[in-house]
Amino acid sequence: PRRKFLRYPGTIKARFLPPIPPGLGKEEFMARLIGETEAACDQLLVEASRAPNPPALPTTAAKRLRELGAKLDGSAA
């Protein structure tokens, strides 16, 4: 919804990834940045979906879980 900040009960989790070494070419840097970030996001998404009280997931998140082969716990897929 526009101009609304929706809040859901729960805990926010963040992950600090290992630093990317300096001196990489632009394409290699971007490929590594995107690959590592997407992999970490996928792990957090799977963890969140398997939590005892999983958050409401947008359709894009549910679709990504199906692509990863993860099952949605506590909600319809």
N, C-alpha and C. Protein backbone atom coordinates (compact mmCIF):
# COMPACT_ATOMS: atom_id res chain seq x y z
N PRO A 1 0.83 -1.20 0.00
CA PRO A 1 0.00 0.00 0.00
C PRO A 1 0.86 1.25 0.00
N ARG A 2 0.39 2.21 -0.66
CA ARG A 2 1.13 3.45 -0.80
C ARG A 2 1.13 4.23 0.51
N ARG A 3 2.28 4.75 0.84
CA ARG A 3 2.48 5.59 2.03
C ARG A 3 2.11 4.89 3.33
N LYS A 4 2.29 3.59 3.36
CA LYS A 4 2.05 2.84 4.58
C LYS A 4 3.28 1.99 4.86
N PHE A 5 3.64 1.91 6.11
CA PHE A 5 4.74 1.05 6.52
C PHE A 5 4.12 -0.12 7.25
N LEU A 6 4.10 -1.28 6.60
CA LEU A 6 3.51 -2.46 7.22
C LEU A 6 4.53 -3.15 8.10
N ARG A 7 4.11 -3.52 9.29
CA ARG A 7 4.99 -4.21 10.23
C ARG A 7 4.39 -5.55 10.57
N TYR A 8 5.25 -6.53 10.67
CA TYR A 8 4.84 -7.87 11.07
C TYR A 8 5.70 -8.27 12.25
N PRO A 9 5.14 -9.04 13.19
CA PRO A 9 5.96 -9.48 14.32
C PRO A 9 7.06 -10.41 13.85
N GLY A 10 8.16 -10.38 14.55
CA GLY A 10 9.26 -11.27 14.20
C GLY A 10 10.60 -10.63 14.42
N THR A 11 11.60 -11.25 13.90
CA THR A 11 12.98 -10.81 14.05
C THR A 11 13.58 -10.55 12.68
N ILE A 12 14.26 -9.45 12.54
CA ILE A 12 14.96 -9.15 11.30
C ILE A 12 16.34 -9.77 11.38
N LYS A 13 16.72 -10.49 10.33
CA LYS A 13 18.05 -11.09 10.28
C LYS A 13 18.83 -10.47 9.14
N ALA A 14 20.11 -10.28 9.38
CA ALA A 14 21.02 -9.76 8.36
C ALA A 14 22.27 -10.62 8.37
N ARG A 15 22.96 -10.63 7.27
CA ARG A 15 24.18 -11.42 7.18
C ARG A 15 25.26 -10.56 6.55
N PHE A 16 26.43 -10.55 7.18
CA PHE A 16 27.59 -9.86 6.62
C PHE A 16 28.38 -10.87 5.81
N LEU A 17 28.57 -10.58 4.56
CA LEU A 17 29.28 -11.50 3.67
C LEU A 17 30.77 -11.20 3.69
N PRO A 18 31.58 -12.17 3.29
CA PRO A 18 33.03 -11.92 3.24
C PRO A 18 33.33 -10.81 2.24
N PRO A 19 34.38 -10.04 2.50
CA PRO A 19 34.71 -8.95 1.57
C PRO A 19 35.16 -9.49 0.22
N ILE A 20 34.85 -8.73 -0.80
CA ILE A 20 35.31 -9.06 -2.15
C ILE A 20 36.69 -8.43 -2.30
N PRO A 21 37.67 -9.19 -2.73
CA PRO A 21 39.03 -8.64 -2.80
C PRO A 21 39.14 -7.51 -3.83
N PRO A 22 39.99 -6.54 -3.54
CA PRO A 22 40.18 -5.44 -4.49
C PRO A 22 40.95 -5.92 -5.72
N GLY A 23 40.86 -5.14 -6.76
CA GLY A 23 41.65 -5.40 -7.96
C GLY A 23 40.96 -6.26 -9.00
N LEU A 24 39.73 -6.66 -8.76
CA LEU A 24 39.01 -7.46 -9.75
C LEU A 24 38.53 -6.56 -10.89
N GLY A 25 38.39 -7.13 -12.05
CA GLY A 25 37.80 -6.39 -13.16
C GLY A 25 36.33 -6.13 -12.88
N LYS A 26 35.77 -5.15 -13.58
CA LYS A 26 34.38 -4.75 -13.34
C LYS A 26 33.41 -5.92 -13.52
N GLU A 27 33.57 -6.68 -14.59
CA GLU A 27 32.64 -7.79 -14.85
C GLU A 27 32.78 -8.89 -13.80
N GLU A 28 34.00 -9.22 -13.44
CA GLU A 28 34.22 -10.25 -12.42
C GLU A 28 33.70 -9.78 -11.06
N PHE A 29 33.94 -8.51 -10.74
CA PHE A 29 33.45 -7.95 -9.48
C PHE A 29 31.93 -8.04 -9.41
N MET A 30 31.25 -7.58 -10.47
CA MET A 30 29.79 -7.58 -10.48
C MET A 30 29.23 -9.00 -10.43
N ALA A 31 29.85 -9.92 -11.16
CA ALA A 31 29.39 -11.31 -11.14
C ALA A 31 29.50 -11.89 -9.74
N ARG A 32 30.61 -11.61 -9.09
CA ARG A 32 30.82 -12.13 -7.73
C ARG A 32 29.86 -11.47 -6.74
N LEU A 33 29.68 -10.16 -6.86
CA LEU A 33 28.77 -9.43 -5.98
C LEU A 33 27.36 -9.98 -6.11
N ILE A 34 26.88 -10.11 -7.33
CA ILE A 34 25.52 -10.60 -7.55
C ILE A 34 25.39 -12.05 -7.10
N GLY A 35 26.34 -12.88 -7.45
CA GLY A 35 26.27 -14.30 -7.08
C GLY A 35 26.24 -14.52 -5.59
N GLU A 36 27.14 -13.86 -4.87
CA GLU A 36 27.20 -14.05 -3.41
C GLU A 36 25.99 -13.45 -2.71
N THR A 37 25.53 -12.29 -3.20
CA THR A 37 24.37 -11.65 -2.59
C THR A 37 23.12 -12.49 -2.81
N GLU A 38 22.92 -12.96 -4.03
CA GLU A 38 21.73 -13.78 -4.33
C GLU A 38 21.74 -15.08 -3.54
N ALA A 39 22.90 -15.72 -3.42
CA ALA A 39 22.98 -16.97 -2.66
C ALA A 39 22.64 -16.74 -1.18
N ALA A 40 23.14 -15.65 -0.61
CA ALA A 40 22.85 -15.33 0.79
C ALA A 40 21.37 -15.00 0.97
N CYS A 41 20.80 -14.27 0.03
CA CYS A 41 19.37 -13.94 0.10
C CYS A 41 18.52 -15.20 0.02
N ASP A 42 18.92 -16.13 -0.85
CA ASP A 42 18.18 -17.39 -0.96
C ASP A 42 18.22 -18.15 0.36
N GLN A 43 19.38 -18.18 1.02
CA GLN A 43 19.50 -18.88 2.31
C GLN A 43 18.59 -18.24 3.35
N LEU A 44 18.58 -16.91 3.41
CA LEU A 44 17.73 -16.21 4.37
C LEU A 44 16.25 -16.45 4.07
N LEU A 45 15.89 -16.49 2.80
CA LEU A 45 14.50 -16.73 2.41
C LEU A 45 14.06 -18.12 2.84
N VAL A 46 14.89 -19.12 2.61
CA VAL A 46 14.55 -20.49 3.02
C VAL A 46 14.44 -20.57 4.54
N GLU A 47 15.37 -19.95 5.26
CA GLU A 47 15.31 -19.94 6.73
C GLU A 47 14.02 -19.30 7.22
N ALA A 48 13.65 -18.18 6.62
CA ALA A 48 12.43 -17.48 7.04
C ALA A 48 11.19 -18.32 6.77
N SER A 49 11.17 -19.02 5.64
CA SER A 49 9.99 -19.83 5.30
C SER A 49 9.84 -21.03 6.22
N ARG A 50 10.94 -21.48 6.82
CA ARG A 50 10.91 -22.64 7.71
C ARG A 50 10.80 -22.26 9.19
N ALA A 51 10.67 -20.99 9.47
CA ALA A 51 10.56 -20.52 10.86
C ALA A 51 9.23 -21.01 11.45
N PRO A 52 9.14 -21.09 12.77
CA PRO A 52 7.90 -21.53 13.41
C PRO A 52 6.70 -20.65 13.05
N ASN A 53 6.93 -19.36 12.87
CA ASN A 53 5.87 -18.43 12.49
C ASN A 53 6.35 -17.66 11.26
N PRO A 54 6.29 -18.28 10.07
CA PRO A 54 6.87 -17.63 8.88
C PRO A 54 6.12 -16.36 8.51
N PRO A 55 6.83 -15.39 7.95
CA PRO A 55 6.19 -14.15 7.55
C PRO A 55 5.31 -14.36 6.32
N ALA A 56 4.42 -13.41 6.08
CA ALA A 56 3.64 -13.43 4.85
C ALA A 56 4.61 -13.20 3.70
N LEU A 57 4.57 -14.07 2.70
CA LEU A 57 5.52 -13.97 1.60
C LEU A 57 4.84 -13.42 0.36
N PRO A 58 5.47 -12.46 -0.30
CA PRO A 58 4.93 -12.01 -1.58
C PRO A 58 5.03 -13.13 -2.61
N THR A 59 4.27 -13.02 -3.67
CA THR A 59 4.26 -14.08 -4.68
C THR A 59 5.64 -14.31 -5.28
N THR A 60 6.44 -13.26 -5.39
CA THR A 60 7.79 -13.43 -5.95
C THR A 60 8.66 -14.28 -5.04
N ALA A 61 8.51 -14.13 -3.73
CA ALA A 61 9.29 -14.93 -2.78
C ALA A 61 8.84 -16.39 -2.81
N ALA A 62 7.53 -16.61 -2.88
CA ALA A 62 7.01 -17.98 -2.95
C ALA A 62 7.48 -18.65 -4.24
N LYS A 63 7.50 -17.91 -5.33
CA LYS A 63 7.98 -18.45 -6.60
C LYS A 63 9.45 -18.84 -6.50
N ARG A 64 10.26 -17.98 -5.88
CA ARG A 64 11.68 -18.27 -5.74
C ARG A 64 11.90 -19.52 -4.88
N LEU A 65 11.12 -19.67 -3.82
CA LEU A 65 11.23 -20.87 -2.99
C LEU A 65 10.93 -22.13 -3.79
N ARG A 66 9.92 -22.06 -4.65
CA ARG A 66 9.61 -23.22 -5.50
C ARG A 66 10.76 -23.50 -6.46
N GLU A 67 11.37 -22.45 -7.00
CA GLU A 67 12.52 -22.62 -7.90
C GLU A 67 13.69 -23.30 -7.17
N LEU A 68 13.85 -22.97 -5.90
CA LEU A 68 14.92 -23.55 -5.10
C LEU A 68 14.59 -24.95 -4.62
N GLY A 69 13.34 -25.36 -4.79
CA GLY A 69 12.93 -26.68 -4.33
C GLY A 69 12.60 -26.71 -2.86
N ALA A 70 12.44 -25.55 -2.25
CA ALA A 70 12.12 -25.48 -0.82
C ALA A 70 10.61 -25.53 -0.65
N LYS A 71 10.18 -26.12 0.44
CA LYS A 71 8.75 -26.19 0.73
C LYS A 71 8.39 -25.07 1.68
N LEU A 72 7.21 -24.51 1.47
CA LEU A 72 6.72 -23.48 2.36
C LEU A 72 6.11 -24.16 3.58
N ASP A 73 6.61 -23.85 4.75
CA ASP A 73 6.06 -24.43 5.98
C ASP A 73 4.96 -23.52 6.50
N GLY A 74 3.83 -24.09 6.80
CA GLY A 74 2.76 -23.34 7.42
C GLY A 74 1.95 -22.50 6.46
N SER A 75 2.18 -22.58 5.16
CA SER A 75 1.36 -21.82 4.22
C SER A 75 1.27 -22.58 2.91
N ALA A 76 0.27 -22.24 2.13
CA ALA A 76 0.09 -22.92 0.84
C ALA A 76 1.10 -22.42 -0.16
N ALA A 77 1.57 -23.30 -1.01
CA ALA A 77 2.55 -22.92 -2.02
C ALA A 77 1.89 -22.59 -3.32
